[in-house]
Amino acid sequence: MRTLLLGGARSGKSALALRWANERSANICMIVTGTESDPEMVARIAAHRRERPVHWRVYEEPARLGRALREVAPTSGLILVDCLTLWISNCLWPVATVSPAPTTSLETSIVDEVGWKRERTEFLDALSTCAGDVIIVSNEVGTGIVPNNPAARLFRDEQGWLNQAVAAVCEEVFLVTAGLPLCLKPTSN
């Protein structure tokens, strides 16, 4: 069973994913895509580590998500991927290509659209052939205003297209708001 949890920031997606993972399997591998890129992200990642059960296996993979899914699938009862949103940023704006200047923004960074499309294809292929249970967390970022810069528009568009592609592969899709899941695509029996 492949399940996609979509929602805005702080909507309760990750907490729901943790709960559902614990309910569905005792053998869980969590693939995390966040990186400790700044002090605020270090604190966020530390908080997420405290929330996870200590017996879970954790696979940290900021870019090669398809490869990671293929590697952990044979030995996992359930795979939890958190989150696609950070993964897109990691692929589109690889750390190695970002200028070290303190005023660096996504607009002045080098965009790796070719690498992103390669990783996106690899992930969707791995997901579509994965036989085990997978829960995927992703942000819904397209419900706000049109961003005023090209980098933000590129990110919003790629996030939306990825969410559509992942939803097409998943048997279940939920929109999470205020910690409550609204079923968008129920499992067909």
C-alpha atoms as a PDB file:
ATOM      1  CA  MET A   1       0.000   0.000   0.000  1.00  0.00           C
ATOM      2  CA  ARG A   2       1.390   3.382  -1.015  1.00  0.00           C
ATOM      3  CA  THR A   3      -0.011   6.353   0.909  1.00  0.00           C
ATOM      4  CA  LEU A   4       0.609  10.048   0.219  1.00  0.00           C
ATOM      5  CA  LEU A   5       0.000  12.638   2.946  1.00  0.00           C
ATOM      6  CA  LEU A   6      -0.220  16.201   1.607  1.00  0.00           C
ATOM      7  CA  GLY A   7      -0.682  19.397   3.579  1.00  0.00           C
ATOM      8  CA  GLY A   8       0.672  22.794   4.421  1.00  0.00           C
ATOM      9  CA  ALA A   9       3.424  23.621   6.870  1.00  0.00           C
ATOM     10  CA  ARG A  10       2.599  22.506  10.406  1.00  0.00           C
ATOM     11  CA  SER A  11      -0.578  20.784   9.228  1.00  0.00           C
ATOM     12  CA  GLY A  12       0.180  17.591  11.170  1.00  0.00           C
ATOM     13  CA  LYS A  13       1.368  15.487   8.206  1.00  0.00           C
ATOM     14  CA  SER A  14       4.515  14.127   9.837  1.00  0.00           C
ATOM     15  CA  ALA A  15       2.833  13.366  13.165  1.00  0.00           C
ATOM     16  CA  LEU A  16       0.065  11.491  11.358  1.00  0.00           C
ATOM     17  CA  ALA A  17       2.636   9.620   9.257  1.00  0.00           C
ATOM     18  CA  LEU A  18       4.500   8.556  12.426  1.00  0.00           C
ATOM     19  CA  ARG A  19       1.278   7.329  14.029  1.00  0.00           C
ATOM     20  CA  TRP A  20       0.096   5.431  10.957  1.00  0.00           C
ATOM     21  CA  ALA A  21       3.523   3.862  10.454  1.00  0.00           C
ATOM     22  CA  ASN A  22       3.507   2.568  14.046  1.00  0.00           C
ATOM     23  CA  GLU A  23      -0.009   1.187  13.564  1.00  0.00           C
ATOM     24  CA  ARG A  24       0.859  -0.599  10.314  1.00  0.00           C
ATOM     25  CA  SER A  25       4.220  -2.213  11.052  1.00  0.00           C
ATOM     26  CA  ALA A  26       6.844  -2.982  13.683  1.00  0.00           C
ATOM     27  CA  ASN A  27       9.597  -3.052  11.029  1.00  0.00           C
ATOM     28  CA  ILE A  28       9.929   0.565   9.897  1.00  0.00           C
ATOM     29  CA  CYS A  29      12.619   2.324   7.923  1.00  0.00           C
ATOM     30  CA  MET A  30      12.326   6.084   7.682  1.00  0.00           C
ATOM     31  CA  ILE A  31      13.986   7.851   4.769  1.00  0.00           C
ATOM     32  CA  VAL A  32      14.629  11.469   5.692  1.00  0.00           C
ATOM     33  CA  THR A  33      15.600  14.137   3.179  1.00  0.00           C
ATOM     34  CA  GLY A  34      16.350  17.123   5.443  1.00  0.00           C
ATOM     35  CA  THR A  35      19.886  18.342   5.923  1.00  0.00           C
ATOM     36  CA  GLU A  36      21.428  20.319   8.770  1.00  0.00           C
ATOM     37  CA  SER A  37      21.998  23.343   6.535  1.00  0.00           C
ATOM     38  CA  ASP A  38      21.583  26.048   9.192  1.00  0.00           C
ATOM     39  CA  PRO A  39      20.965  26.327  12.968  1.00  0.00           C
ATOM     40  CA  GLU A  40      17.188  26.345  12.580  1.00  0.00           C
ATOM     41  CA  MET A  41      17.252  23.122  10.516  1.00  0.00           C
ATOM     42  CA  VAL A  42      19.591  21.526  13.061  1.00  0.00           C
ATOM     43  CA  ALA A  43      16.973  22.225  15.753  1.00  0.00           C
ATOM     44  CA  ARG A  44      14.108  20.934  13.579  1.00  0.00           C
ATOM     45  CA  ILE A  45      15.945  17.718  12.765  1.00  0.00           C
ATOM     46  CA  ALA A  46      16.811  17.188  16.440  1.00  0.00           C
ATOM     47  CA  ALA A  47      13.129  17.583  17.343  1.00  0.00           C
ATOM     48  CA  HIS A  48      12.122  15.038  14.690  1.00  0.00           C
ATOM     49  CA  ARG A  49      14.732  12.598  16.014  1.00  0.00           C
ATOM     50  CA  ARG A  50      13.234  12.874  19.506  1.00  0.00           C
ATOM     51  CA  GLU A  51       9.730  12.151  18.128  1.00  0.00           C
ATOM     52  CA  ARG A  52      10.764   8.936  16.343  1.00  0.00           C
ATOM     53  CA  PRO A  53      10.780   5.581  18.101  1.00  0.00           C
ATOM     54  CA  VAL A  54      14.373   4.547  18.807  1.00  0.00           C
ATOM     55  CA  HIS A  55      13.978   1.110  17.190  1.00  0.00           C
ATOM     56  CA  TRP A  56      13.203   2.583  13.745  1.00  0.00           C
ATOM     57  CA  ARG A  57      15.920   2.390  11.142  1.00  0.00           C
ATOM     58  CA  VAL A  58      16.708   5.785   9.625  1.00  0.00           C
ATOM     59  CA  TYR A  59      18.226   6.324   6.196  1.00  0.00           C
ATOM     60  CA  GLU A  60      19.365   9.882   5.542  1.00  0.00           C
ATOM     61  CA  GLU A  61      19.250  10.689   1.833  1.00  0.00           C
ATOM     62  CA  PRO A  62      18.940  14.289   0.650  1.00  0.00           C
ATOM     63  CA  ALA A  63      19.015  13.630  -3.121  1.00  0.00           C
ATOM     64  CA  ARG A  64      19.053   9.977  -4.297  1.00  0.00           C
ATOM     65  CA  LEU A  65      15.583   9.089  -3.036  1.00  0.00           C
ATOM     66  CA  GLY A  66      14.803   6.483  -5.699  1.00  0.00           C
ATOM     67  CA  ARG A  67      18.030   4.635  -4.940  1.00  0.00           C
ATOM     68  CA  ALA A  68      17.305   4.797  -1.201  1.00  0.00           C
ATOM     69  CA  LEU A  69      13.798   3.405  -1.676  1.00  0.00           C
ATOM     70  CA  ARG A  70      15.145   0.479  -3.706  1.00  0.00           C
ATOM     71  CA  GLU A  71      17.866  -0.229  -1.117  1.00  0.00           C
ATOM     72  CA  VAL A  72      15.632  -0.323   1.962  1.00  0.00           C
ATOM     73  CA  ALA A  73      12.501  -1.920   0.451  1.00  0.00           C
ATOM     74  CA  PRO A  74      13.638  -5.565   0.626  1.00  0.00           C
ATOM     75  CA  THR A  75      14.241  -5.435   4.398  1.00  0.00           C
ATOM     76  CA  SER A  76      11.478  -3.084   5.535  1.00  0.00           C
ATOM     77  CA  GLY A  77       7.929  -3.827   6.584  1.00  0.00           C
ATOM     78  CA  LEU A  78       7.055  -0.185   5.996  1.00  0.00           C
ATOM     79  CA  ILE A  79       8.991   2.752   4.570  1.00  0.00           C
ATOM     80  CA  LEU A  80       8.215   6.296   5.677  1.00  0.00           C
ATOM     81  CA  VAL A  81       9.551   9.076   3.418  1.00  0.00           C
ATOM     82  CA  ASP A  82       9.671  12.555   5.003  1.00  0.00           C
ATOM     83  CA  CYS A  83       9.630  14.739   2.998  1.00  0.00           C
ATOM     84  CA  LEU A  84       9.407  15.289  -0.748  1.00  0.00           C
ATOM     85  CA  THR A  85       9.447  19.066  -0.340  1.00  0.00           C
ATOM     86  CA  LEU A  86      12.965  19.232   1.094  1.00  0.00           C
ATOM     87  CA  TRP A  87      14.072  16.625  -1.427  1.00  0.00           C
ATOM     88  CA  ILE A  88      13.018  18.837  -4.359  1.00  0.00           C
ATOM     89  CA  SER A  89      15.007  21.759  -2.925  1.00  0.00           C
ATOM     90  CA  ASN A  90      18.034  19.528  -2.390  1.00  0.00           C
ATOM     91  CA  CYS A  91      17.900  18.321  -5.994  1.00  0.00           C
ATOM     92  CA  LEU A  92      17.111  21.632  -7.691  1.00  0.00           C
ATOM     93  CA  TRP A  93      19.667  23.601  -5.670  1.00  0.00           C
ATOM     94  CA  PRO A  94      22.464  21.194  -4.689  1.00  0.00           C
ATOM     95  CA  VAL A  95      24.567  22.509  -1.798  1.00  0.00           C
ATOM     96  CA  ALA A  96      27.767  22.137  -3.793  1.00  0.00           C
ATOM     97  CA  THR A  97      26.545  24.688  -6.346  1.00  0.00           C
ATOM     98  CA  VAL A  98      25.436  27.388  -3.896  1.00  0.00           C
ATOM     99  CA  SER A  99      27.719  30.380  -3.491  1.00  0.00           C
ATOM    100  CA  PRO A 100      29.224  30.617  -0.002  1.00  0.00           C
ATOM    101  CA  ALA A 101      28.296  34.312   0.278  1.00  0.00           C
ATOM    102  CA  PRO A 102      26.087  35.016   3.322  1.00  0.00           C
ATOM    103  CA  THR A 103      23.467  36.684   1.132  1.00  0.00           C
ATOM    104  CA  THR A 104      22.972  33.629  -1.090  1.00  0.00           C
ATOM    105  CA  SER A 105      19.386  33.086  -2.167  1.00  0.00           C
ATOM    106  CA  LEU A 106      17.760  30.476  -4.361  1.00  0.00           C
ATOM    107  CA  GLU A 107      17.534  33.093  -7.093  1.00  0.00           C
ATOM    108  CA  THR A 108      21.328  33.429  -7.312  1.00  0.00           C
ATOM    109  CA  SER A 109      22.068  29.712  -6.912  1.00  0.00           C
ATOM    110  CA  ILE A 110      22.673  27.399  -9.836  1.00  0.00           C
ATOM    111  CA  VAL A 111      19.560  25.372 -10.638  1.00  0.00           C
ATOM    112  CA  ASP A 112      20.102  21.711 -11.571  1.00  0.00           C
ATOM    113  CA  GLU A 113      16.923  20.953 -13.527  1.00  0.00           C
ATOM    114  CA  VAL A 114      18.570  18.070 -15.405  1.00  0.00           C
ATOM    115  CA  GLY A 115      19.676  16.366 -12.177  1.00  0.00           C
ATOM    116  CA  TRP A 116      16.261  16.994 -10.620  1.00  0.00           C
ATOM    117  CA  LYS A 117      14.399  15.423 -13.538  1.00  0.00           C
ATOM    118  CA  ARG A 118      16.702  12.389 -13.441  1.00  0.00           C
ATOM    119  CA  GLU A 119      16.131  11.915  -9.686  1.00  0.00           C
ATOM    120  CA  ARG A 120      12.367  12.490 -10.055  1.00  0.00           C
ATOM    121  CA  THR A 121      12.131   9.788 -12.747  1.00  0.00           C
ATOM    122  CA  GLU A 122      14.222   7.373 -10.664  1.00  0.00           C
ATOM    123  CA  PHE A 123      12.056   7.946  -7.586  1.00  0.00           C
ATOM    124  CA  LEU A 124       8.741   7.539  -9.427  1.00  0.00           C
ATOM    125  CA  ASP A 125      10.024   4.317 -11.025  1.00  0.00           C
ATOM    126  CA  ALA A 126      11.179   2.956  -7.650  1.00  0.00           C
ATOM    127  CA  LEU A 127       7.885   3.926  -6.014  1.00  0.00           C
ATOM    128  CA  SER A 128       5.767   2.355  -8.741  1.00  0.00           C
ATOM    129  CA  THR A 129       7.623  -0.968  -8.438  1.00  0.00           C
ATOM    130  CA  CYS A 130       7.910  -1.017  -4.627  1.00  0.00           C
ATOM    131  CA  ALA A 131       6.027  -4.014  -3.278  1.00  0.00           C
ATOM    132  CA  GLY A 132       5.979  -2.990   0.396  1.00  0.00           C
ATOM    133  CA  ASP A 133       4.048  -0.398   2.362  1.00  0.00           C
ATOM    134  CA  VAL A 134       5.195   3.196   1.850  1.00  0.00           C
ATOM    135  CA  ILE A 135       3.952   6.391   3.501  1.00  0.00           C
ATOM    136  CA  ILE A 136       5.124   9.604   1.836  1.00  0.00           C
ATOM    137  CA  VAL A 137       4.919  13.113   3.287  1.00  0.00           C
ATOM    138  CA  SER A 138       4.806  16.150   0.994  1.00  0.00           C
ATOM    139  CA  ASN A 139       3.783  19.777   1.215  1.00  0.00           C
ATOM    140  CA  GLU A 140       0.963  21.299  -0.779  1.00  0.00           C
ATOM    141  CA  VAL A 141       2.438  24.644  -1.793  1.00  0.00           C
ATOM    142  CA  GLY A 142       0.261  25.674  -4.726  1.00  0.00           C
ATOM    143  CA  THR A 143      -2.730  27.093  -2.889  1.00  0.00           C
ATOM    144  CA  GLY A 144      -1.222  30.505  -2.166  1.00  0.00           C
ATOM    145  CA  ILE A 145      -0.334  33.459  -4.317  1.00  0.00           C
ATOM    146  CA  VAL A 146       1.867  33.252  -7.388  1.00  0.00           C
ATOM    147  CA  PRO A 147       5.443  33.837  -6.172  1.00  0.00           C
ATOM    148  CA  ASN A 148       7.169  37.001  -7.365  1.00  0.00           C
ATOM    149  CA  ASN A 149      10.465  35.386  -8.398  1.00  0.00           C
ATOM    150  CA  PRO A 150      11.465  32.685 -10.893  1.00  0.00           C
ATOM    151  CA  ALA A 151      13.079  30.345  -8.350  1.00  0.00           C
ATOM    152  CA  ALA A 152       9.985  30.246  -6.147  1.00  0.00           C
ATOM    153  CA  ARG A 153       7.737  29.717  -9.175  1.00  0.00           C
ATOM    154  CA  LEU A 154       9.975  26.886 -10.400  1.00  0.00           C
ATOM    155  CA  PHE A 155       9.843  25.253  -6.967  1.00  0.00           C
ATOM    156  CA  ARG A 156       6.051  25.637  -6.685  1.00  0.00           C
ATOM    157  CA  ASP A 157       5.514  24.182 -10.156  1.00  0.00           C
ATOM    158  CA  GLU A 158       7.869  21.228  -9.631  1.00  0.00           C
ATOM    159  CA  GLN A 159       6.282  20.485  -6.241  1.00  0.00           C
ATOM    160  CA  GLY A 160       2.806  20.480  -7.766  1.00  0.00           C
ATOM    161  CA  TRP A 161       3.806  18.267 -10.685  1.00  0.00           C
ATOM    162  CA  LEU A 162       5.594  15.843  -8.355  1.00  0.00           C
ATOM    163  CA  ASN A 163       2.603  15.648  -6.003  1.00  0.00           C
ATOM    164  CA  GLN A 164       0.353  14.817  -8.970  1.00  0.00           C
ATOM    165  CA  ALA A 165       2.714  12.108 -10.205  1.00  0.00           C
ATOM    166  CA  VAL A 166       3.113  10.548  -6.748  1.00  0.00           C
ATOM    167  CA  ALA A 167      -0.659  10.682  -6.144  1.00  0.00           C
ATOM    168  CA  ALA A 168      -1.206   8.809  -9.414  1.00  0.00           C
ATOM    169  CA  VAL A 169       1.056   5.975  -8.197  1.00  0.00           C
ATOM    170  CA  CYS A 170      -0.323   5.817  -4.630  1.00  0.00           C
ATOM    171  CA  GLU A 171      -3.380   3.790  -3.677  1.00  0.00           C
ATOM    172  CA  GLU A 172      -4.307   6.304  -0.954  1.00  0.00           C
ATOM    173  CA  VAL A 173      -3.953  10.097  -0.859  1.00  0.00           C
ATOM    174  CA  PHE A 174      -4.905  12.306   2.081  1.00  0.00           C
ATOM    175  CA  LEU A 175      -4.937  16.063   2.563  1.00  0.00           C
ATOM    176  CA  VAL A 176      -3.974  16.854   6.171  1.00  0.00           C
ATOM    177  CA  THR A 177      -5.185  20.050   7.821  1.00  0.00           C
ATOM    178  CA  ALA A 178      -5.055  20.739  11.575  1.00  0.00           C
ATOM    179  CA  GLY A 179      -3.896  17.152  12.069  1.00  0.00           C
ATOM    180  CA  LEU A 180      -7.025  15.771  10.412  1.00  0.00           C
ATOM    181  CA  PRO A 181      -6.806  13.644   7.256  1.00  0.00           C
ATOM    182  CA  LEU A 182      -9.289  14.187   4.433  1.00  0.00           C
ATOM    183  CA  CYS A 183      -9.295  11.238   2.042  1.00  0.00           C
ATOM    184  CA  LEU A 184      -8.779  12.390  -1.547  1.00  0.00           C
ATOM    185  CA  LYS A 185      -8.125   8.977  -3.087  1.00  0.00           C
ATOM    186  CA  PRO A 186      -9.408   5.931  -1.262  1.00  0.00           C
ATOM    187  CA  THR A 187      -8.012   2.449  -1.702  1.00  0.00           C
ATOM    188  CA  SER A 188      -9.915   0.608  -4.414  1.00  0.00           C
ATOM    189  CA  ASN A 189     -10.982  -2.856  -3.361  1.00  0.00           C
END
